[in-house]
Amino acid sequence: MLATIINCTLIIVGSLIGILFRNQISQRFTTLVTQALALCVLGIGISSTIKTQDTLCVIVCMVVGCLLGEALRIEDRLDSFGDFLKQKLLGKSQESRFTEGFVSASVLFCVGAMAVMGAIDAGVRGDYTILISKSVIDGITAITFAAVMGIGVLFSSIPILLYQGSLTLLAALVSDYLSPASINEMSAVGGIIIMGIGFNLLQLSEKKLKVGNMLPAIFLPFLYLPLANLFRGVFSQLF
């Protein structure tokens, strides 16, 4: 929960900065800082991925996970959910900048692979690296959002606390049922996805990577490793 509290705090601080200095914030400043943070995200992803002890596990889980995610259209459903929230809470009226800022920021900060991966890493491994990095990115984003839409952005910290905090606690509850090898490979697979987020932040490709569709891959090492060990045992007995 500590990292989620930090996340909420930085959103609040960023929102206050955006409100107080809304006429003095340069777009070039926020763009450059975002690019620097994107490089840091890439570094985090790489450092997680290279810790794998089973490269084949990472490859198989990524391929199968992406197929599952694409079949379930997770990315499209996340986008649709965000649009649904905006439509229900904002309606056709754009009069309330408070509501607009609150909904827009809440959807952006909650709906994303980094929130899910960070919560899992924090709950299962006690590693807050991803969530702290997300917190800094959210804080910078809150500055620009609050400068345009006002104090409603600050209150987006409430759904972040509830959503991200719940995911972290849930991950901590199931951690006892995961082997150290499974946790390690889940982190390695997650590292690949985190690199995808870095690529999107840097806008390195014309078409945005659908990292949401990759999310099922995170959980597959939990199934892959026992099955792989079972098959190895069977083949060793036969041959």
C-alpha atoms as a PDB file:
ATOM      1  CA  MET A   1       0.000   0.000   0.000  1.00  0.00           C
ATOM      2  CA  LEU A   2       2.929   2.354   0.581  1.00  0.00           C
ATOM      3  CA  ALA A   3       3.625   2.776  -3.140  1.00  0.00           C
ATOM      4  CA  THR A   4      -0.061   3.441  -3.844  1.00  0.00           C
ATOM      5  CA  ILE A   5      -0.101   6.108  -1.122  1.00  0.00           C
ATOM      6  CA  ILE A   6       2.975   7.683  -2.762  1.00  0.00           C
ATOM      7  CA  ASN A   7       1.164   7.497  -6.118  1.00  0.00           C
ATOM      8  CA  CYS A   8      -1.840   9.345  -4.681  1.00  0.00           C
ATOM      9  CA  THR A   9       0.389  11.919  -2.983  1.00  0.00           C
ATOM     10  CA  LEU A  10       2.244  12.741  -6.208  1.00  0.00           C
ATOM     11  CA  ILE A  11      -1.042  13.093  -8.091  1.00  0.00           C
ATOM     12  CA  ILE A  12      -2.228  15.558  -5.435  1.00  0.00           C
ATOM     13  CA  VAL A  13       1.063  17.482  -5.506  1.00  0.00           C
ATOM     14  CA  GLY A  14       1.126  17.513  -9.316  1.00  0.00           C
ATOM     15  CA  SER A  15      -2.472  18.738  -9.423  1.00  0.00           C
ATOM     16  CA  LEU A  16      -1.723  21.569  -6.995  1.00  0.00           C
ATOM     17  CA  ILE A  17       1.303  22.616  -9.036  1.00  0.00           C
ATOM     18  CA  GLY A  18      -0.778  22.577 -12.216  1.00  0.00           C
ATOM     19  CA  ILE A  19      -3.507  24.715 -10.605  1.00  0.00           C
ATOM     20  CA  LEU A  20      -1.114  27.229  -9.034  1.00  0.00           C
ATOM     21  CA  PHE A  21       1.173  27.637 -12.049  1.00  0.00           C
ATOM     22  CA  ARG A  22      -1.245  26.921 -14.884  1.00  0.00           C
ATOM     23  CA  ASN A  23      -0.121  29.977 -16.867  1.00  0.00           C
ATOM     24  CA  GLN A  24       3.600  29.368 -16.416  1.00  0.00           C
ATOM     25  CA  ILE A  25       4.069  25.680 -17.361  1.00  0.00           C
ATOM     26  CA  SER A  26       5.811  25.071 -20.668  1.00  0.00           C
ATOM     27  CA  GLN A  27       4.661  22.137 -22.822  1.00  0.00           C
ATOM     28  CA  ARG A  28       8.298  21.580 -23.795  1.00  0.00           C
ATOM     29  CA  PHE A  29       9.159  20.977 -20.141  1.00  0.00           C
ATOM     30  CA  THR A  30       6.511  18.308 -19.605  1.00  0.00           C
ATOM     31  CA  THR A  31       7.332  16.630 -22.941  1.00  0.00           C
ATOM     32  CA  LEU A  32      11.040  16.367 -22.135  1.00  0.00           C
ATOM     33  CA  VAL A  33      10.410  15.038 -18.625  1.00  0.00           C
ATOM     34  CA  THR A  34       7.919  12.476 -19.978  1.00  0.00           C
ATOM     35  CA  GLN A  35      10.511  11.268 -22.496  1.00  0.00           C
ATOM     36  CA  ALA A  36      13.105  10.924 -19.734  1.00  0.00           C
ATOM     37  CA  LEU A  37      10.669   8.937 -17.618  1.00  0.00           C
ATOM     38  CA  ALA A  38       9.835   6.718 -20.608  1.00  0.00           C
ATOM     39  CA  LEU A  39      13.518   5.805 -20.894  1.00  0.00           C
ATOM     40  CA  CYS A  40      13.500   4.925 -17.200  1.00  0.00           C
ATOM     41  CA  VAL A  41      10.453   2.695 -17.781  1.00  0.00           C
ATOM     42  CA  LEU A  42      12.359   0.917 -20.557  1.00  0.00           C
ATOM     43  CA  GLY A  43      15.265   0.395 -18.174  1.00  0.00           C
ATOM     44  CA  ILE A  44      12.966  -1.102 -15.528  1.00  0.00           C
ATOM     45  CA  GLY A  45      11.493  -3.474 -18.088  1.00  0.00           C
ATOM     46  CA  ILE A  46      14.900  -4.617 -19.280  1.00  0.00           C
ATOM     47  CA  SER A  47      16.196  -5.154 -15.731  1.00  0.00           C
ATOM     48  CA  SER A  48      13.165  -7.331 -14.907  1.00  0.00           C
ATOM     49  CA  THR A  49      13.373  -9.360 -18.112  1.00  0.00           C
ATOM     50  CA  ILE A  50      17.060 -10.265 -17.869  1.00  0.00           C
ATOM     51  CA  LYS A  51      16.447 -11.965 -14.504  1.00  0.00           C
ATOM     52  CA  THR A  52      14.630 -14.846 -16.189  1.00  0.00           C
ATOM     53  CA  GLN A  53      15.945 -18.354 -15.597  1.00  0.00           C
ATOM     54  CA  ASP A  54      13.758 -19.854 -18.336  1.00  0.00           C
ATOM     55  CA  THR A  55      13.754 -17.918 -21.604  1.00  0.00           C
ATOM     56  CA  LEU A  56      11.434 -20.441 -23.248  1.00  0.00           C
ATOM     57  CA  CYS A  57       8.893 -19.817 -20.488  1.00  0.00           C
ATOM     58  CA  VAL A  58       8.911 -16.075 -21.234  1.00  0.00           C
ATOM     59  CA  ILE A  59       8.518 -16.654 -24.984  1.00  0.00           C
ATOM     60  CA  VAL A  60       5.711 -19.204 -24.679  1.00  0.00           C
ATOM     61  CA  CYS A  61       3.830 -17.174 -22.073  1.00  0.00           C
ATOM     62  CA  MET A  62       4.099 -13.978 -24.132  1.00  0.00           C
ATOM     63  CA  VAL A  63       2.849 -15.684 -27.299  1.00  0.00           C
ATOM     64  CA  VAL A  64      -0.035 -17.517 -25.612  1.00  0.00           C
ATOM     65  CA  GLY A  65      -0.875 -14.515 -23.428  1.00  0.00           C
ATOM     66  CA  CYS A  66      -1.028 -12.164 -26.415  1.00  0.00           C
ATOM     67  CA  LEU A  67      -3.282 -14.594 -28.281  1.00  0.00           C
ATOM     68  CA  LEU A  68      -5.610 -14.763 -25.268  1.00  0.00           C
ATOM     69  CA  GLY A  69      -5.576 -10.995 -24.807  1.00  0.00           C
ATOM     70  CA  GLU A  70      -6.283 -10.376 -28.487  1.00  0.00           C
ATOM     71  CA  ALA A  71      -9.110 -12.932 -28.484  1.00  0.00           C
ATOM     72  CA  LEU A  72     -10.616 -11.262 -25.391  1.00  0.00           C
ATOM     73  CA  ARG A  73      -9.918  -7.791 -26.846  1.00  0.00           C
ATOM     74  CA  ILE A  74      -8.733  -6.562 -23.463  1.00  0.00           C
ATOM     75  CA  GLU A  75      -7.277  -3.306 -24.810  1.00  0.00           C
ATOM     76  CA  ASP A  76     -10.487  -2.432 -26.661  1.00  0.00           C
ATOM     77  CA  ARG A  77     -12.576  -3.290 -23.603  1.00  0.00           C
ATOM     78  CA  LEU A  78     -10.416  -1.081 -21.376  1.00  0.00           C
ATOM     79  CA  ASP A  79     -10.825   1.799 -23.829  1.00  0.00           C
ATOM     80  CA  SER A  80     -14.579   1.172 -24.035  1.00  0.00           C
ATOM     81  CA  PHE A  81     -14.823   1.096 -20.247  1.00  0.00           C
ATOM     82  CA  GLY A  82     -13.078   4.455 -20.063  1.00  0.00           C
ATOM     83  CA  ASP A  83     -15.406   5.922 -22.689  1.00  0.00           C
ATOM     84  CA  PHE A  84     -18.404   4.469 -20.825  1.00  0.00           C
ATOM     85  CA  LEU A  85     -17.353   6.132 -17.566  1.00  0.00           C
ATOM     86  CA  LYS A  86     -16.849   9.464 -19.264  1.00  0.00           C
ATOM     87  CA  GLN A  87     -20.212   9.275 -21.000  1.00  0.00           C
ATOM     88  CA  LYS A  88     -22.110   8.269 -17.855  1.00  0.00           C
ATOM     89  CA  LEU A  89     -20.467  10.776 -15.552  1.00  0.00           C
ATOM     90  CA  LEU A  90     -20.043  13.634 -18.004  1.00  0.00           C
ATOM     91  CA  GLY A  91     -22.970  13.016 -20.340  1.00  0.00           C
ATOM     92  CA  LYS A  92     -23.217  15.392 -23.253  1.00  0.00           C
ATOM     93  CA  SER A  93     -22.618  18.390 -21.081  1.00  0.00           C
ATOM     94  CA  GLN A  94     -19.088  19.665 -20.705  1.00  0.00           C
ATOM     95  CA  GLU A  95     -20.017  22.416 -18.252  1.00  0.00           C
ATOM     96  CA  SER A  96     -18.415  20.865 -15.196  1.00  0.00           C
ATOM     97  CA  ARG A  97     -14.639  21.023 -15.549  1.00  0.00           C
ATOM     98  CA  PHE A  98     -14.384  19.436 -12.101  1.00  0.00           C
ATOM     99  CA  THR A  99     -16.173  16.274 -13.246  1.00  0.00           C
ATOM    100  CA  GLU A 100     -14.325  16.210 -16.551  1.00  0.00           C
ATOM    101  CA  GLY A 101     -10.954  16.462 -14.828  1.00  0.00           C
ATOM    102  CA  PHE A 102     -11.870  13.862 -12.221  1.00  0.00           C
ATOM    103  CA  VAL A 103     -13.144  11.283 -14.732  1.00  0.00           C
ATOM    104  CA  SER A 104     -10.447  11.823 -17.374  1.00  0.00           C
ATOM    105  CA  ALA A 105      -7.600  11.578 -14.862  1.00  0.00           C
ATOM    106  CA  SER A 106      -9.129   8.611 -12.991  1.00  0.00           C
ATOM    107  CA  VAL A 107      -9.502   6.595 -16.190  1.00  0.00           C
ATOM    108  CA  LEU A 108      -5.976   7.434 -17.355  1.00  0.00           C
ATOM    109  CA  PHE A 109      -4.330   6.616 -14.014  1.00  0.00           C
ATOM    110  CA  CYS A 110      -6.336   3.454 -13.233  1.00  0.00           C
ATOM    111  CA  VAL A 111      -6.790   1.784 -16.615  1.00  0.00           C
ATOM    112  CA  GLY A 112      -3.355   0.617 -17.703  1.00  0.00           C
ATOM    113  CA  ALA A 113      -0.874  -2.216 -17.672  1.00  0.00           C
ATOM    114  CA  MET A 114       1.523  -0.368 -15.410  1.00  0.00           C
ATOM    115  CA  ALA A 115      -1.071  -0.138 -12.614  1.00  0.00           C
ATOM    116  CA  VAL A 116      -1.752  -3.879 -12.829  1.00  0.00           C
ATOM    117  CA  MET A 117       1.894  -4.932 -13.136  1.00  0.00           C
ATOM    118  CA  GLY A 118       2.997  -2.546 -10.410  1.00  0.00           C
ATOM    119  CA  ALA A 119       0.328  -3.797  -8.006  1.00  0.00           C
ATOM    120  CA  ILE A 120       1.287  -7.422  -8.662  1.00  0.00           C
ATOM    121  CA  ASP A 121       4.982  -6.715  -8.169  1.00  0.00           C
ATOM    122  CA  ALA A 122       4.296  -4.798  -4.960  1.00  0.00           C
ATOM    123  CA  GLY A 123       1.965  -7.443  -3.542  1.00  0.00           C
ATOM    124  CA  VAL A 124       3.839 -10.578  -4.613  1.00  0.00           C
ATOM    125  CA  ARG A 125       7.493  -9.522  -4.446  1.00  0.00           C
ATOM    126  CA  GLY A 126       7.367  -6.425  -2.271  1.00  0.00           C
ATOM    127  CA  ASP A 127       9.026  -4.532  -5.130  1.00  0.00           C
ATOM    128  CA  TYR A 128       7.691  -0.984  -5.526  1.00  0.00           C
ATOM    129  CA  THR A 129       9.887   0.017  -8.488  1.00  0.00           C
ATOM    130  CA  ILE A 130       7.136  -0.062 -11.109  1.00  0.00           C
ATOM    131  CA  LEU A 131       4.558   1.720  -8.946  1.00  0.00           C
ATOM    132  CA  ILE A 132       7.033   4.415  -7.898  1.00  0.00           C
ATOM    133  CA  SER A 133       7.906   5.011 -11.560  1.00  0.00           C
ATOM    134  CA  LYS A 134       4.188   5.142 -12.412  1.00  0.00           C
ATOM    135  CA  SER A 135       3.693   7.570  -9.538  1.00  0.00           C
ATOM    136  CA  VAL A 136       6.221  10.008 -10.978  1.00  0.00           C
ATOM    137  CA  ILE A 137       4.673   9.747 -14.455  1.00  0.00           C
ATOM    138  CA  ASP A 138       1.181  10.272 -12.993  1.00  0.00           C
ATOM    139  CA  GLY A 139       2.423  13.267 -11.029  1.00  0.00           C
ATOM    140  CA  ILE A 140       3.832  14.924 -14.157  1.00  0.00           C
ATOM    141  CA  THR A 141       0.644  14.125 -16.075  1.00  0.00           C
ATOM    142  CA  ALA A 142      -1.476  15.566 -13.249  1.00  0.00           C
ATOM    143  CA  ILE A 143       0.340  18.890 -13.634  1.00  0.00           C
ATOM    144  CA  THR A 144      -0.721  19.278 -17.264  1.00  0.00           C
ATOM    145  CA  PHE A 145      -4.243  17.903 -16.657  1.00  0.00           C
ATOM    146  CA  ALA A 146      -4.900  20.171 -13.665  1.00  0.00           C
ATOM    147  CA  ALA A 147      -3.584  23.186 -15.537  1.00  0.00           C
ATOM    148  CA  VAL A 148      -6.333  22.619 -18.111  1.00  0.00           C
ATOM    149  CA  MET A 149      -9.212  21.003 -16.164  1.00  0.00           C
ATOM    150  CA  GLY A 150      -8.739  22.223 -12.608  1.00  0.00           C
ATOM    151  CA  ILE A 151      -9.050  20.694  -9.157  1.00  0.00           C
ATOM    152  CA  GLY A 152     -11.110  17.674 -10.241  1.00  0.00           C
ATOM    153  CA  VAL A 153      -7.836  16.007 -11.287  1.00  0.00           C
ATOM    154  CA  LEU A 154      -6.667  16.098  -7.660  1.00  0.00           C
ATOM    155  CA  PHE A 155      -9.631  13.972  -6.547  1.00  0.00           C
ATOM    156  CA  SER A 156      -8.683  11.213  -9.015  1.00  0.00           C
ATOM    157  CA  SER A 157      -6.290  10.106  -6.262  1.00  0.00           C
ATOM    158  CA  ILE A 158      -9.296   8.539  -4.460  1.00  0.00           C
ATOM    159  CA  PRO A 159     -10.152   5.846  -7.067  1.00  0.00           C
ATOM    160  CA  ILE A 160      -6.413   5.204  -7.485  1.00  0.00           C
ATOM    161  CA  LEU A 161      -6.144   4.469  -3.760  1.00  0.00           C
ATOM    162  CA  LEU A 162      -9.125   2.091  -3.858  1.00  0.00           C
ATOM    163  CA  TYR A 163      -8.355   0.330  -7.149  1.00  0.00           C
ATOM    164  CA  GLN A 164      -4.574   0.032  -7.027  1.00  0.00           C
ATOM    165  CA  GLY A 165      -4.534  -0.623  -3.303  1.00  0.00           C
ATOM    166  CA  SER A 166      -7.060  -3.454  -3.672  1.00  0.00           C
ATOM    167  CA  LEU A 167      -5.000  -5.063  -6.442  1.00  0.00           C
ATOM    168  CA  THR A 168      -1.871  -4.915  -4.273  1.00  0.00           C
ATOM    169  CA  LEU A 169      -3.622  -6.503  -1.286  1.00  0.00           C
ATOM    170  CA  LEU A 170      -5.105  -9.224  -3.499  1.00  0.00           C
ATOM    171  CA  ALA A 171      -1.692 -10.002  -4.986  1.00  0.00           C
ATOM    172  CA  ALA A 172      -0.231 -10.231  -1.474  1.00  0.00           C
ATOM    173  CA  LEU A 173      -2.932 -12.741  -0.480  1.00  0.00           C
ATOM    174  CA  VAL A 174      -2.166 -15.122  -3.371  1.00  0.00           C
ATOM    175  CA  SER A 175       1.627 -14.767  -3.103  1.00  0.00           C
ATOM    176  CA  ASP A 176       1.864 -17.693  -0.673  1.00  0.00           C
ATOM    177  CA  TYR A 177       0.563 -19.994  -3.394  1.00  0.00           C
ATOM    178  CA  LEU A 178       3.233 -18.964  -5.909  1.00  0.00           C
ATOM    179  CA  SER A 179       6.661 -20.599  -6.081  1.00  0.00           C
ATOM    180  CA  PRO A 180       9.788 -18.380  -6.208  1.00  0.00           C
ATOM    181  CA  ALA A 181      10.395 -19.607  -9.784  1.00  0.00           C
ATOM    182  CA  SER A 182       6.867 -18.593 -10.833  1.00  0.00           C
ATOM    183  CA  ILE A 183       7.261 -15.161  -9.273  1.00  0.00           C
ATOM    184  CA  ASN A 184      10.602 -14.674 -11.018  1.00  0.00           C
ATOM    185  CA  GLU A 185       9.220 -15.603 -14.446  1.00  0.00           C
ATOM    186  CA  MET A 186       6.059 -13.537 -13.909  1.00  0.00           C
ATOM    187  CA  SER A 187       8.346 -10.580 -13.248  1.00  0.00           C
ATOM    188  CA  ALA A 188      10.357 -11.341 -16.413  1.00  0.00           C
ATOM    189  CA  VAL A 189       7.211 -11.511 -18.542  1.00  0.00           C
ATOM    190  CA  GLY A 190       5.991  -8.312 -16.915  1.00  0.00           C
ATOM    191  CA  GLY A 191       9.300  -6.698 -17.852  1.00  0.00           C
ATOM    192  CA  ILE A 192       8.560  -7.293 -21.529  1.00  0.00           C
ATOM    193  CA  ILE A 193       5.185  -5.594 -21.126  1.00  0.00           C
ATOM    194  CA  ILE A 194       6.752  -2.692 -19.227  1.00  0.00           C
ATOM    195  CA  MET A 195       9.140  -2.189 -22.158  1.00  0.00           C
ATOM    196  CA  GLY A 196       6.080  -1.972 -24.404  1.00  0.00           C
ATOM    197  CA  ILE A 197       4.748   0.839 -22.209  1.00  0.00           C
ATOM    198  CA  GLY A 198       8.082   2.638 -22.570  1.00  0.00           C
ATOM    199  CA  PHE A 199       7.872   2.352 -26.355  1.00  0.00           C
ATOM    200  CA  ASN A 200       4.360   3.811 -26.296  1.00  0.00           C
ATOM    201  CA  LEU A 201       5.427   6.719 -24.083  1.00  0.00           C
ATOM    202  CA  LEU A 202       8.257   7.502 -26.496  1.00  0.00           C
ATOM    203  CA  GLN A 203       5.898   7.083 -29.476  1.00  0.00           C
ATOM    204  CA  LEU A 204       8.539   5.033 -31.278  1.00  0.00           C
ATOM    205  CA  SER A 205       6.056   3.300 -33.554  1.00  0.00           C
ATOM    206  CA  GLU A 206       3.302   4.731 -35.729  1.00  0.00           C
ATOM    207  CA  LYS A 207       0.817   2.295 -34.237  1.00  0.00           C
ATOM    208  CA  LYS A 208       0.467   2.097 -30.445  1.00  0.00           C
ATOM    209  CA  LEU A 209       1.420  -1.269 -28.934  1.00  0.00           C
ATOM    210  CA  LYS A 210      -1.623  -2.951 -27.386  1.00  0.00           C
ATOM    211  CA  VAL A 211       0.010  -3.678 -24.046  1.00  0.00           C
ATOM    212  CA  GLY A 212      -3.409  -4.321 -22.501  1.00  0.00           C
ATOM    213  CA  ASN A 213      -3.754  -7.417 -24.682  1.00  0.00           C
ATOM    214  CA  MET A 214      -0.450  -8.700 -23.290  1.00  0.00           C
ATOM    215  CA  LEU A 215      -1.614  -8.721 -19.657  1.00  0.00           C
ATOM    216  CA  PRO A 216      -2.744 -12.407 -19.559  1.00  0.00           C
ATOM    217  CA  ALA A 217       0.881 -13.411 -20.194  1.00  0.00           C
ATOM    218  CA  ILE A 218       1.839 -12.220 -16.694  1.00  0.00           C
ATOM    219  CA  PHE A 219      -0.120 -15.027 -15.034  1.00  0.00           C
ATOM    220  CA  LEU A 220       0.847 -17.892 -17.364  1.00  0.00           C
ATOM    221  CA  PRO A 221       4.209 -18.844 -15.734  1.00  0.00           C
ATOM    222  CA  PHE A 222       2.104 -20.055 -12.788  1.00  0.00           C
ATOM    223  CA  LEU A 223       0.692 -22.717 -15.160  1.00  0.00           C
ATOM    224  CA  TYR A 224       3.649 -23.164 -17.512  1.00  0.00           C
ATOM    225  CA  LEU A 225       6.317 -24.131 -14.984  1.00  0.00           C
ATOM    226  CA  PRO A 226       4.426 -27.049 -13.305  1.00  0.00           C
ATOM    227  CA  LEU A 227       3.420 -28.398 -16.740  1.00  0.00           C
ATOM    228  CA  ALA A 228       6.975 -28.078 -18.060  1.00  0.00           C
ATOM    229  CA  ASN A 229       8.353 -29.922 -15.015  1.00  0.00           C
ATOM    230  CA  LEU A 230       5.701 -32.626 -15.442  1.00  0.00           C
ATOM    231  CA  PHE A 231       6.609 -33.183 -19.094  1.00  0.00           C
ATOM    232  CA  ARG A 232      10.325 -33.245 -18.287  1.00  0.00           C
ATOM    233  CA  GLY A 233       9.686 -35.902 -15.641  1.00  0.00           C
ATOM    234  CA  VAL A 234       7.646 -38.029 -18.051  1.00  0.00           C
ATOM    235  CA  PHE A 235      10.216 -37.796 -20.829  1.00  0.00           C
ATOM    236  CA  SER A 236      13.106 -38.565 -18.480  1.00  0.00           C
ATOM    237  CA  GLN A 237      11.367 -41.783 -17.400  1.00  0.00           C
ATOM    238  CA  LEU A 238      10.557 -42.819 -20.981  1.00  0.00           C
ATOM    239  CA  PHE A 239      13.984 -42.079 -22.368  1.00  0.00           C
END
